Amino acid sequence: LIAAYDPTEGRAIVVPVHGGKRGNPILWDHRFFE
């Protein structure tokens, strides 16, 4: 998840997926902290 994080390329939220279904944990860029 951390490796996929790259807000400059539009990857500001990173979500794991298995079997087509999203799960946890989720990574959030600092722009969403507020």
Full PDB file with SEQRES, HELIX, SHEET, SSBOND, CRYST1, ORIGX, SCALE, CONECT and MASTER records, all heavy atoms in Angstrom:
SEQRES   1 A   34  LEU ILE ALA ALA TYR ASP PRO THR GLU GLY ARG ALA ILE          
SEQRES   2 A   34  VAL VAL PRO VAL HIS GLY GLY LYS ARG GLY ASN PRO ILE          
SEQRES   3 A   34  LEU TRP ASP HIS ARG PHE PHE GLU                              
HELIX    1 AA1 PRO A    7  GLU A    9  5                                   3    
HELIX    2 AA2 HIS A   30  PHE A   32  5                                   3    
SHEET    1 AA1 2 ILE A  13  VAL A  14  0                                        
SHEET    2 AA1 2 LEU A  27  TRP A  28 -1                                        
SHEET    1 AA2 2 VAL A  17  HIS A  18  0                                        
SHEET    2 AA2 2 LYS A  21  ARG A  22 -1                                        
CRYST1    1.000    1.000    1.000  90.00  90.00  90.00 P 1           1          
ORIGX1      1.000000  0.000000  0.000000        0.00000                         
ORIGX2      0.000000  1.000000  0.000000        0.00000                         
ORIGX3      0.000000  0.000000  1.000000        0.00000                         
SCALE1      1.000000  0.000000  0.000000        0.00000                         
SCALE2      0.000000  1.000000  0.000000        0.00000                         
SCALE3      0.000000  0.000000  1.000000        0.00000                         
ATOM      1  N   LEU A   1       0.834  -1.202   0.000  1.00  0.00           N  
ATOM      2  CA  LEU A   1       0.000   0.000   0.000  1.00  0.00           C  
ATOM      3  C   LEU A   1       0.872   1.256   0.000  1.00  0.00           C  
ATOM      4  O   LEU A   1       0.612   2.215  -0.728  1.00  0.00           O  
ATOM      5  CB  LEU A   1      -0.923   0.003   1.222  1.00  0.00           C  
ATOM      6  CG  LEU A   1      -1.935  -1.138   1.330  1.00  0.00           C  
ATOM      7  CD1 LEU A   1      -2.699  -1.041   2.649  1.00  0.00           C  
ATOM      8  CD2 LEU A   1      -2.912  -1.127   0.165  1.00  0.00           C  
ATOM      9  N   ILE A   2       1.924   1.247   0.821  1.00  0.00           N  
ATOM     10  CA  ILE A   2       2.820   2.402   0.910  1.00  0.00           C  
ATOM     11  C   ILE A   2       3.539   2.616  -0.416  1.00  0.00           C  
ATOM     12  O   ILE A   2       3.704   3.756  -0.878  1.00  0.00           O  
ATOM     13  CB  ILE A   2       3.822   2.212   2.068  1.00  0.00           C  
ATOM     14  CG1 ILE A   2       3.078   2.243   3.412  1.00  0.00           C  
ATOM     15  CG2 ILE A   2       4.909   3.272   2.030  1.00  0.00           C  
ATOM     16  CD1 ILE A   2       3.928   1.849   4.607  1.00  0.00           C  
ATOM     17  N   ALA A   3       3.963   1.518  -1.047  1.00  0.00           N  
ATOM     18  CA  ALA A   3       4.683   1.634  -2.318  1.00  0.00           C  
ATOM     19  C   ALA A   3       3.786   2.205  -3.417  1.00  0.00           C  
ATOM     20  O   ALA A   3       4.263   2.899  -4.319  1.00  0.00           O  
ATOM     21  CB  ALA A   3       5.226   0.277  -2.735  1.00  0.00           C  
ATOM     22  N   ALA A   4       2.497   1.923  -3.348  1.00  0.00           N  
ATOM     23  CA  ALA A   4       1.569   2.418  -4.371  1.00  0.00           C  
ATOM     24  C   ALA A   4       1.225   3.885  -4.184  1.00  0.00           C  
ATOM     25  O   ALA A   4       0.757   4.544  -5.115  1.00  0.00           O  
ATOM     26  CB  ALA A   4       0.286   1.588  -4.363  1.00  0.00           C  
ATOM     27  N   TYR A   5       1.466   4.409  -2.998  1.00  0.00           N  
ATOM     28  CA  TYR A   5       1.125   5.802  -2.689  1.00  0.00           C  
ATOM     29  C   TYR A   5       1.998   6.768  -3.490  1.00  0.00           C  
ATOM     30  O   TYR A   5       3.228   6.730  -3.426  1.00  0.00           O  
ATOM     31  CB  TYR A   5       1.311   6.043  -1.195  1.00  0.00           C  
ATOM     32  CG  TYR A   5       1.301   7.495  -0.768  1.00  0.00           C  
ATOM     33  CD1 TYR A   5       0.127   8.241  -0.825  1.00  0.00           C  
ATOM     34  CD2 TYR A   5       2.453   8.111  -0.298  1.00  0.00           C  
ATOM     35  CE1 TYR A   5       0.112   9.571  -0.429  1.00  0.00           C  
ATOM     36  CE2 TYR A   5       2.450   9.436   0.106  1.00  0.00           C  
ATOM     37  CZ  TYR A   5       1.276  10.163   0.041  1.00  0.00           C  
ATOM     38  OH  TYR A   5       1.267  11.468   0.428  1.00  0.00           O  
ATOM     39  N   ASP A   6       1.384   7.597  -4.280  1.00  0.00           N  
ATOM     40  CA  ASP A   6       2.103   8.612  -5.054  1.00  0.00           C  
ATOM     41  C   ASP A   6       1.097   9.683  -5.472  1.00  0.00           C  
ATOM     42  O   ASP A   6       0.510   9.621  -6.546  1.00  0.00           O  
ATOM     43  CB  ASP A   6       2.769   8.003  -6.285  1.00  0.00           C  
ATOM     44  CG  ASP A   6       3.727   8.969  -6.968  1.00  0.00           C  
ATOM     45  OD1 ASP A   6       3.599  10.191  -6.730  1.00  0.00           O  
ATOM     46  OD2 ASP A   6       4.596   8.517  -7.730  1.00  0.00           O  
ATOM     47  N   PRO A   7       0.885  10.691  -4.607  1.00  0.00           N  
ATOM     48  CA  PRO A   7      -0.143  11.696  -4.913  1.00  0.00           C  
ATOM     49  C   PRO A   7       0.148  12.492  -6.172  1.00  0.00           C  
ATOM     50  O   PRO A   7      -0.771  13.002  -6.813  1.00  0.00           O  
ATOM     51  CB  PRO A   7      -0.141  12.587  -3.662  1.00  0.00           C  
ATOM     52  CG  PRO A   7       1.187  12.360  -3.017  1.00  0.00           C  
ATOM     53  CD  PRO A   7       1.544  10.940  -3.315  1.00  0.00           C  
ATOM     54  N   THR A   8       1.434  12.604  -6.554  1.00  0.00           N  
ATOM     55  CA  THR A   8       1.754  13.351  -7.773  1.00  0.00           C  
ATOM     56  C   THR A   8       1.245  12.630  -9.009  1.00  0.00           C  
ATOM     57  O   THR A   8       1.093  13.240 -10.074  1.00  0.00           O  
ATOM     58  CB  THR A   8       3.265  13.561  -7.905  1.00  0.00           C  
ATOM     59  OG1 THR A   8       3.928  12.293  -7.980  1.00  0.00           O  
ATOM     60  CG2 THR A   8       3.800  14.336  -6.710  1.00  0.00           C  
ATOM     61  N   GLU A   9       0.989  11.321  -8.897  1.00  0.00           N  
ATOM     62  CA  GLU A   9       0.455  10.558 -10.014  1.00  0.00           C  
ATOM     63  C   GLU A   9      -1.021  10.216  -9.807  1.00  0.00           C  
ATOM     64  O   GLU A   9      -1.560   9.337 -10.464  1.00  0.00           O  
ATOM     65  CB  GLU A   9       1.263   9.274 -10.220  1.00  0.00           C  
ATOM     66  CG  GLU A   9       2.676   9.531 -10.722  1.00  0.00           C  
ATOM     67  CD  GLU A   9       3.299   8.302 -11.355  1.00  0.00           C  
ATOM     68  OE1 GLU A   9       2.699   7.213 -11.272  1.00  0.00           O  
ATOM     69  OE2 GLU A   9       4.376   8.442 -11.941  1.00  0.00           O  
ATOM     70  N   GLY A  10      -1.649  10.907  -8.864  1.00  0.00           N  
ATOM     71  CA  GLY A  10      -3.082  10.703  -8.653  1.00  0.00           C  
ATOM     72  C   GLY A  10      -3.419   9.534  -7.755  1.00  0.00           C  
ATOM     73  O   GLY A  10      -4.574   9.113  -7.700  1.00  0.00           O  
ATOM     74  N   ARG A  11      -2.425   9.005  -7.013  1.00  0.00           N  
ATOM     75  CA  ARG A  11      -2.689   7.892  -6.097  1.00  0.00           C  
ATOM     76  C   ARG A  11      -2.601   8.420  -4.661  1.00  0.00           C  
ATOM     77  O   ARG A  11      -1.626   8.180  -3.953  1.00  0.00           O  
ATOM     78  CB  ARG A  11      -1.699   6.754  -6.346  1.00  0.00           C  
ATOM     79  CG  ARG A  11      -1.739   6.242  -7.778  1.00  0.00           C  
ATOM     80  CD  ARG A  11      -1.090   4.878  -7.918  1.00  0.00           C  
ATOM     81  NE  ARG A  11       0.322   4.853  -7.625  1.00  0.00           N  
ATOM     82  CZ  ARG A  11       1.303   5.084  -8.503  1.00  0.00           C  
ATOM     83  NH1 ARG A  11       0.990   5.391  -9.758  1.00  0.00           N  
ATOM     84  NH2 ARG A  11       2.571   5.034  -8.167  1.00  0.00           N  
ATOM     85  N   ALA A  12      -3.617   9.172  -4.258  1.00  0.00           N  
ATOM     86  CA  ALA A  12      -3.618   9.826  -2.952  1.00  0.00           C  
ATOM     87  C   ALA A  12      -4.345   9.001  -1.891  1.00  0.00           C  
ATOM     88  O   ALA A  12      -4.201   9.259  -0.695  1.00  0.00           O  
ATOM     89  CB  ALA A  12      -4.258  11.204  -3.055  1.00  0.00           C  
ATOM     90  N   ILE A  13      -5.159   8.041  -2.308  1.00  0.00           N  
ATOM     91  CA  ILE A  13      -5.820   7.097  -1.404  1.00  0.00           C  
ATOM     92  C   ILE A  13      -5.506   5.707  -1.940  1.00  0.00           C  
ATOM     93  O   ILE A  13      -5.677   5.454  -3.137  1.00  0.00           O  
ATOM     94  CB  ILE A  13      -7.345   7.303  -1.366  1.00  0.00           C  
ATOM     95  CG1 ILE A  13      -7.703   8.759  -1.034  1.00  0.00           C  
ATOM     96  CG2 ILE A  13      -7.993   6.366  -0.361  1.00  0.00           C  
ATOM     97  CD1 ILE A  13      -9.179   9.080  -1.175  1.00  0.00           C  
ATOM     98  N   VAL A  14      -5.056   4.816  -1.083  1.00  0.00           N  
ATOM     99  CA  VAL A  14      -4.675   3.478  -1.537  1.00  0.00           C  
ATOM    100  C   VAL A  14      -5.477   2.446  -0.753  1.00  0.00           C  
ATOM    101  O   VAL A  14      -5.489   2.460   0.484  1.00  0.00           O  
ATOM    102  CB  VAL A  14      -3.167   3.221  -1.369  1.00  0.00           C  
ATOM    103  CG1 VAL A  14      -2.786   1.889  -2.015  1.00  0.00           C  
ATOM    104  CG2 VAL A  14      -2.343   4.353  -1.986  1.00  0.00           C  
ATOM    105  N   VAL A  15      -6.139   1.565  -1.504  1.00  0.00           N  
ATOM    106  CA  VAL A  15      -7.062   0.591  -0.916  1.00  0.00           C  
ATOM    107  C   VAL A  15      -6.676  -0.812  -1.373  1.00  0.00           C  
ATOM    108  O   VAL A  15      -6.440  -1.021  -2.574  1.00  0.00           O  
ATOM    109  CB  VAL A  15      -8.511   0.894  -1.351  1.00  0.00           C  
ATOM    110  CG1 VAL A  15      -9.491  -0.060  -0.687  1.00  0.00           C  
ATOM    111  CG2 VAL A  15      -8.878   2.333  -1.042  1.00  0.00           C  
ATOM    112  N   PRO A  16      -6.621  -1.804  -0.471  1.00  0.00           N  
ATOM    113  CA  PRO A  16      -6.370  -3.175  -0.899  1.00  0.00           C  
ATOM    114  C   PRO A  16      -7.642  -3.822  -1.446  1.00  0.00           C  
ATOM    115  O   PRO A  16      -8.754  -3.523  -0.983  1.00  0.00           O  
ATOM    116  CB  PRO A  16      -5.913  -3.865   0.388  1.00  0.00           C  
ATOM    117  CG  PRO A  16      -6.623  -3.121   1.468  1.00  0.00           C  
ATOM    118  CD  PRO A  16      -6.726  -1.689   0.994  1.00  0.00           C  
ATOM    119  N   VAL A  17      -7.478  -4.686  -2.446  1.00  0.00           N  
ATOM    120  CA  VAL A  17      -8.625  -5.343  -3.085  1.00  0.00           C  
ATOM    121  C   VAL A  17      -8.341  -6.825  -3.199  1.00  0.00           C  
ATOM    122  O   VAL A  17      -7.232  -7.242  -3.575  1.00  0.00           O  
ATOM    123  CB  VAL A  17      -8.883  -4.753  -4.493  1.00  0.00           C  
ATOM    124  CG1 VAL A  17     -10.005  -5.498  -5.191  1.00  0.00           C  
ATOM    125  CG2 VAL A  17      -9.218  -3.276  -4.399  1.00  0.00           C  
ATOM    126  N   HIS A  18      -9.333  -7.637  -2.867  1.00  0.00           N  
ATOM    127  CA  HIS A  18      -9.228  -9.087  -3.083  1.00  0.00           C  
ATOM    128  C   HIS A  18     -10.570  -9.593  -3.586  1.00  0.00           C  
ATOM    129  O   HIS A  18     -11.619  -9.277  -3.031  1.00  0.00           O  
ATOM    130  CB  HIS A  18      -8.852  -9.810  -1.785  1.00  0.00           C  
ATOM    131  CG  HIS A  18      -8.715 -11.298  -1.963  1.00  0.00           C  
ATOM    132  ND1 HIS A  18      -7.654 -11.865  -2.641  1.00  0.00           N  
ATOM    133  CD2 HIS A  18      -9.507 -12.329  -1.572  1.00  0.00           C  
ATOM    134  CE1 HIS A  18      -7.784 -13.179  -2.656  1.00  0.00           C  
ATOM    135  NE2 HIS A  18      -8.908 -13.489  -2.019  1.00  0.00           N  
ATOM    136  N   GLY A  19     -10.514 -10.341  -4.675  1.00  0.00           N  
ATOM    137  CA  GLY A  19     -11.745 -10.868  -5.252  1.00  0.00           C  
ATOM    138  C   GLY A  19     -12.680  -9.782  -5.732  1.00  0.00           C  
ATOM    139  O   GLY A  19     -13.909  -9.949  -5.690  1.00  0.00           O  
ATOM    140  N   GLY A  20     -12.105  -8.651  -6.158  1.00  0.00           N  
ATOM    141  CA  GLY A  20     -12.920  -7.549  -6.644  1.00  0.00           C  
ATOM    142  C   GLY A  20     -13.564  -6.719  -5.558  1.00  0.00           C  
ATOM    143  O   GLY A  20     -14.314  -5.782  -5.850  1.00  0.00           O  
ATOM    144  N   LYS A  21     -13.279  -7.008  -4.285  1.00  0.00           N  
ATOM    145  CA  LYS A  21     -13.900  -6.313  -3.168  1.00  0.00           C  
ATOM    146  C   LYS A  21     -12.840  -5.565  -2.371  1.00  0.00           C  
ATOM    147  O   LYS A  21     -11.798  -6.112  -2.050  1.00  0.00           O  
ATOM    148  CB  LYS A  21     -14.631  -7.320  -2.273  1.00  0.00           C  
ATOM    149  CG  LYS A  21     -15.323  -6.695  -1.065  1.00  0.00           C  
ATOM    150  CD  LYS A  21     -15.970  -7.787  -0.223  1.00  0.00           C  
ATOM    151  CE  LYS A  21     -16.606  -7.199   1.037  1.00  0.00           C  
ATOM    152  NZ  LYS A  21     -17.175  -8.257   1.902  1.00  0.00           N  
ATOM    153  N   ARG A  22     -13.119  -4.296  -2.061  1.00  0.00           N  
ATOM    154  CA  ARG A  22     -12.178  -3.493  -1.286  1.00  0.00           C  
ATOM    155  C   ARG A  22     -12.199  -3.883   0.185  1.00  0.00           C  
ATOM    156  O   ARG A  22     -13.216  -4.315   0.710  1.00  0.00           O  
ATOM    157  CB  ARG A  22     -12.505  -2.001  -1.428  1.00  0.00           C  
ATOM    158  CG  ARG A  22     -12.215  -1.435  -2.806  1.00  0.00           C  
ATOM    159  CD  ARG A  22     -12.655   0.007  -2.905  1.00  0.00           C  
ATOM    160  NE  ARG A  22     -12.257   0.605  -4.181  1.00  0.00           N  
ATOM    161  CZ  ARG A  22     -12.550   1.836  -4.554  1.00  0.00           C  
ATOM    162  NH1 ARG A  22     -13.280   2.606  -3.750  1.00  0.00           N  
ATOM    163  NH2 ARG A  22     -12.143   2.295  -5.725  1.00  0.00           N  
ATOM    164  N   GLY A  23     -11.046  -3.696   0.825  1.00  0.00           N  
ATOM    165  CA  GLY A  23     -10.941  -4.036   2.242  1.00  0.00           C  
ATOM    166  C   GLY A  23     -10.134  -3.005   3.010  1.00  0.00           C  
ATOM    167  O   GLY A  23     -10.068  -1.836   2.658  1.00  0.00           O  
ATOM    168  N   ASN A  24      -9.487  -3.440   4.076  1.00  0.00           N  
ATOM    169  CA  ASN A  24      -8.674  -2.597   4.948  1.00  0.00           C  
ATOM    170  C   ASN A  24      -7.283  -3.211   5.096  1.00  0.00           C  
ATOM    171  O   ASN A  24      -7.119  -4.401   4.881  1.00  0.00           O  
ATOM    172  CB  ASN A  24      -9.333  -2.465   6.325  1.00  0.00           C  
ATOM    173  CG  ASN A  24     -10.554  -1.560   6.299  1.00  0.00           C  
ATOM    174  OD1 ASN A  24     -10.440  -0.366   6.116  1.00  0.00           O  
ATOM    175  ND2 ASN A  24     -11.735  -2.148   6.465  1.00  0.00           N  
ATOM    176  N   PRO A  25      -6.287  -2.381   5.465  1.00  0.00           N  
ATOM    177  CA  PRO A  25      -6.280  -0.972   5.841  1.00  0.00           C  
ATOM    178  C   PRO A  25      -6.369  -0.051   4.618  1.00  0.00           C  
ATOM    179  O   PRO A  25      -6.186  -0.498   3.493  1.00  0.00           O  
ATOM    180  CB  PRO A  25      -4.929  -0.792   6.545  1.00  0.00           C  
ATOM    181  CG  PRO A  25      -4.414  -2.170   6.795  1.00  0.00           C  
ATOM    182  CD  PRO A  25      -4.990  -3.036   5.717  1.00  0.00           C  
ATOM    183  N   ILE A  26      -6.602   1.234   4.862  1.00  0.00           N  
ATOM    184  CA  ILE A  26      -6.637   2.228   3.795  1.00  0.00           C  
ATOM    185  C   ILE A  26      -5.627   3.320   4.113  1.00  0.00           C  
ATOM    186  O   ILE A  26      -5.510   3.762   5.262  1.00  0.00           O  
ATOM    187  CB  ILE A  26      -8.044   2.833   3.643  1.00  0.00           C  
ATOM    188  CG1 ILE A  26      -9.060   1.734   3.294  1.00  0.00           C  
ATOM    189  CG2 ILE A  26      -8.060   3.917   2.582  1.00  0.00           C  
ATOM    190  CD1 ILE A  26     -10.495   2.218   3.195  1.00  0.00           C  
ATOM    191  N   LEU A  27      -4.892   3.744   3.093  1.00  0.00           N  
ATOM    192  CA  LEU A  27      -3.893   4.799   3.257  1.00  0.00           C  
ATOM    193  C   LEU A  27      -4.462   6.109   2.721  1.00  0.00           C  
ATOM    194  O   LEU A  27      -5.003   6.161   1.616  1.00  0.00           O  
ATOM    195  CB  LEU A  27      -2.606   4.432   2.525  1.00  0.00           C  
ATOM    196  CG  LEU A  27      -1.419   5.384   2.666  1.00  0.00           C  
ATOM    197  CD1 LEU A  27      -0.105   4.606   2.631  1.00  0.00           C  
ATOM    198  CD2 LEU A  27      -1.414   6.450   1.568  1.00  0.00           C  
ATOM    199  N   TRP A  28      -4.320   7.190   3.496  1.00  0.00           N  
ATOM    200  CA  TRP A  28      -4.869   8.499   3.154  1.00  0.00           C  
ATOM    201  C   TRP A  28      -3.765   9.543   3.071  1.00  0.00           C  
ATOM    202  O   TRP A  28      -2.951   9.671   3.987  1.00  0.00           O  
ATOM    203  CB  TRP A  28      -5.892   8.953   4.208  1.00  0.00           C  
ATOM    204  CG  TRP A  28      -7.071   8.038   4.345  1.00  0.00           C  
ATOM    205  CD1 TRP A  28      -7.173   6.925   5.124  1.00  0.00           C  
ATOM    206  CD2 TRP A  28      -8.330   8.151   3.658  1.00  0.00           C  
ATOM    207  NE1 TRP A  28      -8.404   6.342   4.977  1.00  0.00           N  
ATOM    208  CE2 TRP A  28      -9.138   7.075   4.084  1.00  0.00           C  
ATOM    209  CE3 TRP A  28      -8.843   9.066   2.746  1.00  0.00           C  
ATOM    210  CZ2 TRP A  28     -10.426   6.880   3.626  1.00  0.00           C  
ATOM    211  CZ3 TRP A  28     -10.129   8.880   2.280  1.00  0.00           C  
ATOM    212  CH2 TRP A  28     -10.917   7.799   2.722  1.00  0.00           C  
ATOM    213  N   ASP A  29      -3.754  10.307   1.991  1.00  0.00           N  
ATOM    214  CA  ASP A  29      -2.812  11.413   1.836  1.00  0.00           C  
ATOM    215  C   ASP A  29      -3.167  12.533   2.818  1.00  0.00           C  
ATOM    216  O   ASP A  29      -4.310  12.660   3.271  1.00  0.00           O  
ATOM    217  CB  ASP A  29      -2.872  11.940   0.400  1.00  0.00           C  
ATOM    218  CG  ASP A  29      -1.913  13.079   0.149  1.00  0.00           C  
ATOM    219  OD1 ASP A  29      -0.695  12.847   0.210  1.00  0.00           O  
ATOM    220  OD2 ASP A  29      -2.368  14.215  -0.087  1.00  0.00           O  
ATOM    221  N   HIS A  30      -2.170  13.383   3.133  1.00  0.00           N  
ATOM    222  CA  HIS A  30      -2.376  14.427   4.134  1.00  0.00           C  
ATOM    223  C   HIS A  30      -3.465  15.427   3.739  1.00  0.00           C  
ATOM    224  O   HIS A  30      -4.024  16.102   4.605  1.00  0.00           O  
ATOM    225  CB  HIS A  30      -1.068  15.181   4.397  1.00  0.00           C  
ATOM    226  CG  HIS A  30      -0.575  16.001   3.246  1.00  0.00           C  
ATOM    227  ND1 HIS A  30       0.234  15.484   2.262  1.00  0.00           N  
ATOM    228  CD2 HIS A  30      -0.783  17.292   2.911  1.00  0.00           C  
ATOM    229  CE1 HIS A  30       0.500  16.434   1.378  1.00  0.00           C  
ATOM    230  NE2 HIS A  30      -0.100  17.528   1.747  1.00  0.00           N  
ATOM    231  N   ARG A  31      -3.793  15.521   2.453  1.00  0.00           N  
ATOM    232  CA  ARG A  31      -4.832  16.471   2.053  1.00  0.00           C  
ATOM    233  C   ARG A  31      -6.198  16.097   2.640  1.00  0.00           C  
ATOM    234  O   ARG A  31      -7.117  16.929   2.666  1.00  0.00           O  
ATOM    235  CB  ARG A  31      -4.925  16.546   0.532  1.00  0.00           C  
ATOM    236  CG  ARG A  31      -5.592  15.345  -0.139  1.00  0.00           C  
ATOM    237  CD  ARG A  31      -5.602  15.461  -1.639  1.00  0.00           C  
ATOM    238  NE  ARG A  31      -4.280  15.207  -2.209  1.00  0.00           N  
ATOM    239  CZ  ARG A  31      -4.018  15.205  -3.504  1.00  0.00           C  
ATOM    240  NH1 ARG A  31      -4.982  15.482  -4.355  1.00  0.00           N  
ATOM    241  NH2 ARG A  31      -2.812  14.942  -3.946  1.00  0.00           N  
ATOM    242  N   PHE A  32      -6.342  14.832   3.105  1.00  0.00           N  
ATOM    243  CA  PHE A  32      -7.624  14.383   3.649  1.00  0.00           C  
ATOM    244  C   PHE A  32      -7.652  14.388   5.176  1.00  0.00           C  
ATOM    245  O   PHE A  32      -8.658  14.001   5.765  1.00  0.00           O  
ATOM    246  CB  PHE A  32      -7.952  12.968   3.151  1.00  0.00           C  
ATOM    247  CG  PHE A  32      -8.067  12.874   1.658  1.00  0.00           C  
ATOM    248  CD1 PHE A  32      -7.071  12.270   0.914  1.00  0.00           C  
ATOM    249  CD2 PHE A  32      -9.160  13.398   0.997  1.00  0.00           C  
ATOM    250  CE1 PHE A  32      -7.160  12.180  -0.463  1.00  0.00           C  
ATOM    251  CE2 PHE A  32      -9.268  13.326  -0.377  1.00  0.00           C  
ATOM    252  CZ  PHE A  32      -8.260  12.709  -1.114  1.00  0.00           C  
ATOM    253  N   PHE A  33      -6.563  14.838   5.808  1.00  0.00           N  
ATOM    254  CA  PHE A  33      -6.502  14.736   7.263  1.00  0.00           C  
ATOM    255  C   PHE A  33      -7.609  15.559   7.936  1.00  0.00           C  
ATOM    256  O   PHE A  33      -8.208  15.108   8.927  1.00  0.00           O  
ATOM    257  CB  PHE A  33      -5.133  15.200   7.772  1.00  0.00           C  
ATOM    258  CG  PHE A  33      -4.017  14.214   7.507  1.00  0.00           C  
ATOM    259  CD1 PHE A  33      -4.241  13.040   6.804  1.00  0.00           C  
ATOM    260  CD2 PHE A  33      -2.736  14.471   7.980  1.00  0.00           C  
ATOM    261  CE1 PHE A  33      -3.213  12.137   6.565  1.00  0.00           C  
ATOM    262  CE2 PHE A  33      -1.697  13.575   7.751  1.00  0.00           C  
ATOM    263  CZ  PHE A  33      -1.941  12.412   7.037  1.00  0.00           C  
ATOM    264  N   GLU A  34      -7.886  16.745   7.428  1.00  0.00           N  
ATOM    265  CA  GLU A  34      -8.931  17.561   8.049  1.00  0.00           C  
ATOM    266  C   GLU A  34     -10.299  16.914   7.895  1.00  0.00           C  
ATOM    267  O   GLU A  34     -11.105  16.906   8.842  1.00  0.00           O  
ATOM    268  CB  GLU A  34      -8.932  18.964   7.436  1.00  0.00           C  
ATOM    269  CG  GLU A  34      -7.721  19.804   7.816  1.00  0.00           C  
ATOM    270  CD  GLU A  34      -7.849  21.231   7.327  1.00  0.00           C  
ATOM    271  OE1 GLU A  34      -8.942  21.599   6.836  1.00  0.00           O  
ATOM    272  OE2 GLU A  34      -6.855  21.981   7.434  1.00  0.00           O  
TER     273      GLU A  34                                                      
MASTER        0    0    0    2    4    0    0    6  272    1    0    3          
END                                                                             
